[in-house]
Amino acid sequence: MSPVAERSGDTIRLTVNAEQSDSPVIELPVTELGHLLAGVEQDLTDFLALAVDWASRQLPDHCAPVAAALARVLDLPRPAET
């Protein structure tokens, strides 16, 4: 599978598999993609906060390494220790 993202003016074209002629394609304005990506980042940040809160209650001795590992996997800044 070979996904592709192309920009043409103010439009982004996302192709699931460029090697397949009938591959699904999504076209959207650049600004909308920016808003969608910002929303995803906020959702991941909120998830990380909830996961760290859970870990602090369920795994108090392991909360810091769990938080660091999740932040690394999600490519987010490590949350402040509480």
PDB file of N, CA and C in Angstrom:
ATOM      1  N   MET A   1       0.854  -1.179   0.000  1.00  0.00           N
ATOM      2  CA  MET A   1       0.000   0.000   0.000  1.00  0.00           C
ATOM      3  C   MET A   1       0.893   1.233   0.000  1.00  0.00           C
ATOM      4  N   SER A   2       0.496   2.211  -0.767  1.00  0.00           N
ATOM      5  CA  SER A   2       1.293   3.414  -0.931  1.00  0.00           C
ATOM      6  C   SER A   2       0.399   4.656  -0.835  1.00  0.00           C
ATOM      7  N   PRO A   3       0.150   5.157   0.398  1.00  0.00           N
ATOM      8  CA  PRO A   3      -0.673   6.358   0.528  1.00  0.00           C
ATOM      9  C   PRO A   3       0.081   7.589   0.007  1.00  0.00           C
ATOM     10  N   VAL A   4      -0.696   8.541  -0.517  1.00  0.00           N
ATOM     11  CA  VAL A   4      -0.099   9.755  -1.071  1.00  0.00           C
ATOM     12  C   VAL A   4      -0.930  10.962  -0.648  1.00  0.00           C
ATOM     13  N   ALA A   5      -0.229  12.047  -0.322  1.00  0.00           N
ATOM     14  CA  ALA A   5      -0.880  13.334  -0.061  1.00  0.00           C
ATOM     15  C   ALA A   5      -0.304  14.332  -1.059  1.00  0.00           C
ATOM     16  N   GLU A   6      -1.190  15.014  -1.791  1.00  0.00           N
ATOM     17  CA  GLU A   6      -0.764  15.988  -2.795  1.00  0.00           C
ATOM     18  C   GLU A   6      -1.486  17.303  -2.550  1.00  0.00           C
ATOM     19  N   ARG A   7      -0.768  18.392  -2.756  1.00  0.00           N
ATOM     20  CA  ARG A   7      -1.387  19.706  -2.638  1.00  0.00           C
ATOM     21  C   ARG A   7      -1.462  20.344  -4.017  1.00  0.00           C
ATOM     22  N   SER A   8      -2.627  20.877  -4.319  1.00  0.00           N
ATOM     23  CA  SER A   8      -2.832  21.613  -5.559  1.00  0.00           C
ATOM     24  C   SER A   8      -3.556  22.901  -5.199  1.00  0.00           C
ATOM     25  N   GLY A   9      -2.822  23.970  -5.122  1.00  0.00           N
ATOM     26  CA  GLY A   9      -3.412  25.239  -4.703  1.00  0.00           C
ATOM     27  C   GLY A   9      -3.874  25.161  -3.270  1.00  0.00           C
ATOM     28  N   ASP A  10      -5.160  25.389  -3.051  1.00  0.00           N
ATOM     29  CA  ASP A  10      -5.722  25.365  -1.700  1.00  0.00           C
ATOM     30  C   ASP A  10      -6.405  24.043  -1.373  1.00  0.00           C
ATOM     31  N   THR A  11      -6.118  23.004  -2.159  1.00  0.00           N
ATOM     32  CA  THR A  11      -6.757  21.707  -1.970  1.00  0.00           C
ATOM     33  C   THR A  11      -5.720  20.626  -1.686  1.00  0.00           C
ATOM     34  N   ILE A  12      -6.048  19.768  -0.752  1.00  0.00           N
ATOM     35  CA  ILE A  12      -5.237  18.590  -0.447  1.00  0.00           C
ATOM     36  C   ILE A  12      -5.977  17.373  -0.975  1.00  0.00           C
ATOM     37  N   ARG A  13      -5.254  16.495  -1.645  1.00  0.00           N
ATOM     38  CA  ARG A  13      -5.823  15.256  -2.169  1.00  0.00           C
ATOM     39  C   ARG A  13      -5.097  14.107  -1.477  1.00  0.00           C
ATOM     40  N   LEU A  14      -5.843  13.312  -0.720  1.00  0.00           N
ATOM     41  CA  LEU A  14      -5.296  12.167   0.000  1.00  0.00           C
ATOM     42  C   LEU A  14      -5.743  10.893  -0.705  1.00  0.00           C
ATOM     43  N   THR A  15      -4.782  10.108  -1.160  1.00  0.00           N
ATOM     44  CA  THR A  15      -5.075   8.859  -1.851  1.00  0.00           C
ATOM     45  C   THR A  15      -4.626   7.711  -0.965  1.00  0.00           C
ATOM     46  N   VAL A  16      -5.525   6.788  -0.692  1.00  0.00           N
ATOM     47  CA  VAL A  16      -5.227   5.666   0.199  1.00  0.00           C
ATOM     48  C   VAL A  16      -4.109   4.804  -0.363  1.00  0.00           C
ATOM     49  N   ASN A  17      -4.200   4.438  -1.648  1.00  0.00           N
ATOM     50  CA  ASN A  17      -3.204   3.573  -2.265  1.00  0.00           C
ATOM     51  C   ASN A  17      -2.975   4.025  -3.702  1.00  0.00           C
ATOM     52  N   ALA A  18      -1.897   4.754  -3.919  1.00  0.00           N
ATOM     53  CA  ALA A  18      -1.613   5.305  -5.239  1.00  0.00           C
ATOM     54  C   ALA A  18      -1.322   4.228  -6.275  1.00  0.00           C
ATOM     55  N   GLU A  19      -1.018   3.024  -5.824  1.00  0.00           N
ATOM     56  CA  GLU A  19      -0.722   1.926  -6.741  1.00  0.00           C
ATOM     57  C   GLU A  19      -1.995   1.270  -7.289  1.00  0.00           C
ATOM     58  N   GLN A  20      -3.135   1.671  -6.764  1.00  0.00           N
ATOM     59  CA  GLN A  20      -4.421   1.081  -7.144  1.00  0.00           C
ATOM     60  C   GLN A  20      -5.264   2.154  -7.833  1.00  0.00           C
ATOM     61  N   SER A  21      -5.669   1.913  -9.071  1.00  0.00           N
ATOM     62  CA  SER A  21      -6.374   2.939  -9.840  1.00  0.00           C
ATOM     63  C   SER A  21      -7.732   3.315  -9.253  1.00  0.00           C
ATOM     64  N   ASP A  22      -8.380   2.399  -8.546  1.00  0.00           N
ATOM     65  CA  ASP A  22      -9.692   2.698  -7.970  1.00  0.00           C
ATOM     66  C   ASP A  22      -9.614   2.967  -6.459  1.00  0.00           C
ATOM     67  N   SER A  23      -8.451   3.384  -6.015  1.00  0.00           N
ATOM     68  CA  SER A  23      -8.251   3.657  -4.589  1.00  0.00           C
ATOM     69  C   SER A  23      -9.137   4.809  -4.117  1.00  0.00           C
ATOM     70  N   PRO A  24      -9.643   4.726  -2.889  1.00  0.00           N
ATOM     71  CA  PRO A  24     -10.415   5.847  -2.348  1.00  0.00           C
ATOM     72  C   PRO A  24      -9.558   7.116  -2.270  1.00  0.00           C
ATOM     73  N   VAL A  25     -10.202   8.248  -2.547  1.00  0.00           N
ATOM     74  CA  VAL A  25      -9.528   9.549  -2.528  1.00  0.00           C
ATOM     75  C   VAL A  25     -10.371  10.516  -1.715  1.00  0.00           C
ATOM     76  N   ILE A  26      -9.697  11.327  -0.929  1.00  0.00           N
ATOM     77  CA  ILE A  26     -10.366  12.391  -0.176  1.00  0.00           C
ATOM     78  C   ILE A  26      -9.756  13.710  -0.621  1.00  0.00           C
ATOM     79  N   GLU A  27     -10.600  14.661  -0.984  1.00  0.00           N
ATOM     80  CA  GLU A  27     -10.135  15.999  -1.322  1.00  0.00           C
ATOM     81  C   GLU A  27     -10.773  16.978  -0.350  1.00  0.00           C
ATOM     82  N   LEU A  28      -9.946  17.871   0.197  1.00  0.00           N
ATOM     83  CA  LEU A  28     -10.470  18.865   1.117  1.00  0.00           C
ATOM     84  C   LEU A  28      -9.578  20.092   1.110  1.00  0.00           C
ATOM     85  N   PRO A  29     -10.138  21.234   1.520  1.00  0.00           N
ATOM     86  CA  PRO A  29      -9.349  22.459   1.574  1.00  0.00           C
ATOM     87  C   PRO A  29      -8.221  22.337   2.609  1.00  0.00           C
ATOM     88  N   VAL A  30      -7.111  22.981   2.323  1.00  0.00           N
ATOM     89  CA  VAL A  30      -5.959  22.959   3.226  1.00  0.00           C
ATOM     90  C   VAL A  30      -6.365  23.419   4.624  1.00  0.00           C
ATOM     91  N   THR A  31      -7.182  24.456   4.704  1.00  0.00           N
ATOM     92  CA  THR A  31      -7.581  24.973   6.016  1.00  0.00           C
ATOM     93  C   THR A  31      -8.383  23.945   6.804  1.00  0.00           C
ATOM     94  N   GLU A  32      -9.241  23.188   6.106  1.00  0.00           N
ATOM     95  CA  GLU A  32     -10.028  22.166   6.790  1.00  0.00           C
ATOM     96  C   GLU A  32      -9.125  21.058   7.323  1.00  0.00           C
ATOM     97  N   LEU A  33      -8.132  20.665   6.521  1.00  0.00           N
ATOM     98  CA  LEU A  33      -7.189  19.646   6.985  1.00  0.00           C
ATOM     99  C   LEU A  33      -6.463  20.135   8.234  1.00  0.00           C
ATOM    100  N   GLY A  34      -6.075  21.402   8.239  1.00  0.00           N
ATOM    101  CA  GLY A  34      -5.420  21.971   9.422  1.00  0.00           C
ATOM    102  C   GLY A  34      -6.307  21.890  10.649  1.00  0.00           C
ATOM    103  N   HIS A  35      -7.582  22.206  10.500  1.00  0.00           N
ATOM    104  CA  HIS A  35      -8.530  22.128  11.619  1.00  0.00           C
ATOM    105  C   HIS A  35      -8.716  20.685  12.085  1.00  0.00           C
ATOM    106  N   LEU A  36      -8.821  19.761  11.120  1.00  0.00           N
ATOM    107  CA  LEU A  36      -8.979  18.348  11.471  1.00  0.00           C
ATOM    108  C   LEU A  36      -7.760  17.830  12.242  1.00  0.00           C
ATOM    109  N   LEU A  37      -6.568  18.189  11.774  1.00  0.00           N
ATOM    110  CA  LEU A  37      -5.349  17.735  12.452  1.00  0.00           C
ATOM    111  C   LEU A  37      -5.218  18.351  13.846  1.00  0.00           C
ATOM    112  N   ALA A  38      -5.621  19.609  13.997  1.00  0.00           N
ATOM    113  CA  ALA A  38      -5.599  20.242  15.316  1.00  0.00           C
ATOM    114  C   ALA A  38      -6.570  19.527  16.258  1.00  0.00           C
ATOM    115  N   GLY A  39      -7.719  19.131  15.739  1.00  0.00           N
ATOM    116  CA  GLY A  39      -8.684  18.386  16.546  1.00  0.00           C
ATOM    117  C   GLY A  39      -8.146  17.036  16.973  1.00  0.00           C
ATOM    118  N   VAL A  40      -7.464  16.351  16.063  1.00  0.00           N
ATOM    119  CA  VAL A  40      -6.860  15.061  16.402  1.00  0.00           C
ATOM    120  C   VAL A  40      -5.815  15.239  17.485  1.00  0.00           C
ATOM    121  N   GLU A  41      -4.973  16.254  17.344  1.00  0.00           N
ATOM    122  CA  GLU A  41      -3.947  16.502  18.362  1.00  0.00           C
ATOM    123  C   GLU A  41      -4.579  16.778  19.725  1.00  0.00           C
ATOM    124  N   GLN A  42      -5.667  17.547  19.746  1.00  0.00           N
ATOM    125  CA  GLN A  42      -6.349  17.822  21.013  1.00  0.00           C
ATOM    126  C   GLN A  42      -6.940  16.545  21.599  1.00  0.00           C
ATOM    127  N   ASP A  43      -7.546  15.721  20.754  1.00  0.00           N
ATOM    128  CA  ASP A  43      -8.109  14.446  21.229  1.00  0.00           C
ATOM    129  C   ASP A  43      -7.018  13.552  21.820  1.00  0.00           C
ATOM    130  N   LEU A  44      -5.865  13.485  21.169  1.00  0.00           N
ATOM    131  CA  LEU A  44      -4.761  12.666  21.689  1.00  0.00           C
ATOM    132  C   LEU A  44      -4.218  13.234  22.999  1.00  0.00           C
ATOM    133  N   THR A  45      -4.142  14.552  23.087  1.00  0.00           N
ATOM    134  CA  THR A  45      -3.681  15.196  24.321  1.00  0.00           C
ATOM    135  C   THR A  45      -4.655  14.905  25.463  1.00  0.00           C
ATOM    136  N   ASP A  46      -5.951  14.987  25.178  1.00  0.00           N
ATOM    137  CA  ASP A  46      -6.969  14.677  26.188  1.00  0.00           C
ATOM    138  C   ASP A  46      -6.894  13.208  26.609  1.00  0.00           C
ATOM    139  N   PHE A  47      -6.706  12.309  25.632  1.00  0.00           N
ATOM    140  CA  PHE A  47      -6.563  10.890  25.941  1.00  0.00           C
ATOM    141  C   PHE A  47      -5.358  10.655  26.835  1.00  0.00           C
ATOM    142  N   LEU A  48      -4.238  11.286  26.520  1.00  0.00           N
ATOM    143  CA  LEU A  48      -3.038  11.118  27.333  1.00  0.00           C
ATOM    144  C   LEU A  48      -3.289  11.579  28.768  1.00  0.00           C
ATOM    145  N   ALA A  49      -3.961  12.698  28.936  1.00  0.00           N
ATOM    146  CA  ALA A  49      -4.267  13.190  30.284  1.00  0.00           C
ATOM    147  C   ALA A  49      -5.131  12.193  31.048  1.00  0.00           C
ATOM    148  N   LEU A  50      -6.133  11.636  30.381  1.00  0.00           N
ATOM    149  CA  LEU A  50      -6.989  10.633  31.028  1.00  0.00           C
ATOM    150  C   LEU A  50      -6.212   9.364  31.372  1.00  0.00           C
ATOM    151  N   ALA A  51      -5.351   8.941  30.463  1.00  0.00           N
ATOM    152  CA  ALA A  51      -4.553   7.734  30.698  1.00  0.00           C
ATOM    153  C   ALA A  51      -3.580   7.936  31.856  1.00  0.00           C
ATOM    154  N   VAL A  52      -2.986   9.104  31.942  1.00  0.00           N
ATOM    155  CA  VAL A  52      -2.057   9.395  33.041  1.00  0.00           C
ATOM    156  C   VAL A  52      -2.819   9.450  34.363  1.00  0.00           C
ATOM    157  N   ASP A  53      -3.998  10.038  34.341  1.00  0.00           N
ATOM    158  CA  ASP A  53      -4.822  10.070  35.553  1.00  0.00           C
ATOM    159  C   ASP A  53      -5.167   8.650  35.995  1.00  0.00           C
ATOM    160  N   TRP A  54      -5.562   7.808  35.043  1.00  0.00           N
ATOM    161  CA  TRP A  54      -5.870   6.407  35.350  1.00  0.00           C
ATOM    162  C   TRP A  54      -4.648   5.700  35.907  1.00  0.00           C
ATOM    163  N   ALA A  55      -3.505   5.885  35.263  1.00  0.00           N
ATOM    164  CA  ALA A  55      -2.273   5.219  35.707  1.00  0.00           C
ATOM    165  C   ALA A  55      -1.867   5.674  37.104  1.00  0.00           C
ATOM    166  N   SER A  56      -2.101   6.935  37.410  1.00  0.00           N
ATOM    167  CA  SER A  56      -1.721   7.426  38.744  1.00  0.00           C
ATOM    168  C   SER A  56      -2.548   6.755  39.842  1.00  0.00           C
ATOM    169  N   ARG A  57      -3.776   6.357  39.504  1.00  0.00           N
ATOM    170  CA  ARG A  57      -4.622   5.674  40.474  1.00  0.00           C
ATOM    171  C   ARG A  57      -4.420   4.158  40.469  1.00  0.00           C
ATOM    172  N   GLN A  58      -4.249   3.578  39.296  1.00  0.00           N
ATOM    173  CA  GLN A  58      -4.171   2.125  39.175  1.00  0.00           C
ATOM    174  C   GLN A  58      -2.745   1.579  39.251  1.00  0.00           C
ATOM    175  N   LEU A  59      -1.783   2.360  38.820  1.00  0.00           N
ATOM    176  CA  LEU A  59      -0.377   1.923  38.772  1.00  0.00           C
ATOM    177  C   LEU A  59       0.532   2.999  39.344  1.00  0.00           C
ATOM    178  N   PRO A  60       0.296   3.411  40.582  1.00  0.00           N
ATOM    179  CA  PRO A  60       1.031   4.564  41.105  1.00  0.00           C
ATOM    180  C   PRO A  60       2.561   4.420  41.037  1.00  0.00           C
ATOM    181  N   ASP A  61       3.064   3.218  41.198  1.00  0.00           N
ATOM    182  CA  ASP A  61       4.515   3.026  41.151  1.00  0.00           C
ATOM    183  C   ASP A  61       5.074   3.043  39.730  1.00  0.00           C
ATOM    184  N   HIS A  62       4.198   2.989  38.745  1.00  0.00           N
ATOM    185  CA  HIS A  62       4.638   2.926  37.351  1.00  0.00           C
ATOM    186  C   HIS A  62       4.073   4.059  36.501  1.00  0.00           C
ATOM    187  N   CYS A  63       3.454   5.020  37.122  1.00  0.00           N
ATOM    188  CA  CYS A  63       2.777   6.089  36.386  1.00  0.00           C
ATOM    189  C   CYS A  63       3.738   6.872  35.493  1.00  0.00           C
ATOM    190  N   ALA A  64       4.874   7.262  36.022  1.00  0.00           N
ATOM    191  CA  ALA A  64       5.815   8.077  35.229  1.00  0.00           C
ATOM    192  C   ALA A  64       6.284   7.342  33.968  1.00  0.00           C
ATOM    193  N   PRO A  65       6.729   6.069  34.086  1.00  0.00           N
ATOM    194  CA  PRO A  65       7.157   5.403  32.848  1.00  0.00           C
ATOM    195  C   PRO A  65       6.002   5.146  31.871  1.00  0.00           C
ATOM    196  N   VAL A  66       4.808   4.862  32.386  1.00  0.00           N
ATOM    197  CA  VAL A  66       3.652   4.661  31.502  1.00  0.00           C
ATOM    198  C   VAL A  66       3.338   5.965  30.776  1.00  0.00           C
ATOM    199  N   ALA A  67       3.334   7.073  31.502  1.00  0.00           N
ATOM    200  CA  ALA A  67       3.059   8.379  30.898  1.00  0.00           C
ATOM    201  C   ALA A  67       4.102   8.720  29.841  1.00  0.00           C
ATOM    202  N   ALA A  68       5.355   8.468  30.145  1.00  0.00           N
ATOM    203  CA  ALA A  68       6.426   8.765  29.189  1.00  0.00           C
ATOM    204  C   ALA A  68       6.292   7.905  27.937  1.00  0.00           C
ATOM    205  N   ALA A  69       5.978   6.628  28.120  1.00  0.00           N
ATOM    206  CA  ALA A  69       5.836   5.722  26.977  1.00  0.00           C
ATOM    207  C   ALA A  69       4.658   6.133  26.090  1.00  0.00           C
ATOM    208  N   LEU A  70       3.528   6.459  26.706  1.00  0.00           N
ATOM    209  CA  LEU A  70       2.366   6.895  25.926  1.00  0.00           C
ATOM    210  C   LEU A  70       2.658   8.196  25.183  1.00  0.00           C
ATOM    211  N   ALA A  71       3.297   9.135  25.852  1.00  0.00           N
ATOM    212  CA  ALA A  71       3.628  10.409  25.202  1.00  0.00           C
ATOM    213  C   ALA A  71       4.556  10.170  24.010  1.00  0.00           C
ATOM    214  N   ARG A  72       5.514   9.276  24.180  1.00  0.00           N
ATOM    215  CA  ARG A  72       6.454   8.974  23.094  1.00  0.00           C
ATOM    216  C   ARG A  72       5.714   8.345  21.904  1.00  0.00           C
ATOM    217  N   VAL A  73       4.855   7.365  22.185  1.00  0.00           N
ATOM    218  CA  VAL A  73       4.116   6.682  21.114  1.00  0.00           C
ATOM    219  C   VAL A  73       3.160   7.643  20.408  1.00  0.00           C
ATOM    220  N   LEU A  74       2.544   8.539  21.156  1.00  0.00           N
ATOM    221  CA  LEU A  74       1.602   9.495  20.566  1.00  0.00           C
ATOM    222  C   LEU A  74       2.299  10.730  19.989  1.00  0.00           C
ATOM    223  N   ASP A  75       3.617  10.796  20.182  1.00  0.00           N
ATOM    224  CA  ASP A  75       4.417  11.926  19.710  1.00  0.00           C
ATOM    225  C   ASP A  75       3.905  13.249  20.287  1.00  0.00           C
ATOM    226  N   LEU A  76       3.680  13.216  21.606  1.00  0.00           N
ATOM    227  CA  LEU A  76       3.221  14.399  22.347  1.00  0.00           C
ATOM    228  C   LEU A  76       4.225  14.736  23.427  1.00  0.00           C
ATOM    229  N   PRO A  77       4.227  15.970  23.899  1.00  0.00           N
ATOM    230  CA  PRO A  77       5.106  16.306  25.025  1.00  0.00           C
ATOM    231  C   PRO A  77       4.725  15.474  26.247  1.00  0.00           C
ATOM    232  N   ARG A  78       5.728  15.089  27.002  1.00  0.00           N
ATOM    233  CA  ARG A  78       5.478  14.330  28.222  1.00  0.00           C
ATOM    234  C   ARG A  78       4.705  15.204  29.200  1.00  0.00           C
ATOM    235  N   PRO A  79       3.629  14.649  29.779  1.00  0.00           N
ATOM    236  CA  PRO A  79       2.819  15.455  30.715  1.00  0.00           C
ATOM    237  C   PRO A  79       3.612  15.778  31.975  1.00  0.00           C
ATOM    238  N   ALA A  80       3.274  16.900  32.585  1.00  0.00           N
ATOM    239  CA  ALA A  80       3.912  17.282  33.849  1.00  0.00           C
ATOM    240  C   ALA A  80       3.544  16.278  34.927  1.00  0.00           C
ATOM    241  N   GLU A  81       4.500  15.983  35.803  1.00  0.00           N
ATOM    242  CA  GLU A  81       4.223  15.049  36.888  1.00  0.00           C
ATOM    243  C   GLU A  81       3.384  15.740  37.946  1.00  0.00           C
ATOM    244  N   THR A  82       2.447  14.956  38.499  1.00  0.00           N
ATOM    245  CA  THR A  82       1.572  15.520  39.530  1.00  0.00           C
ATOM    246  C   THR A  82       1.956  14.984  40.878  1.00  0.00           C
TER     247      THR A  82
END
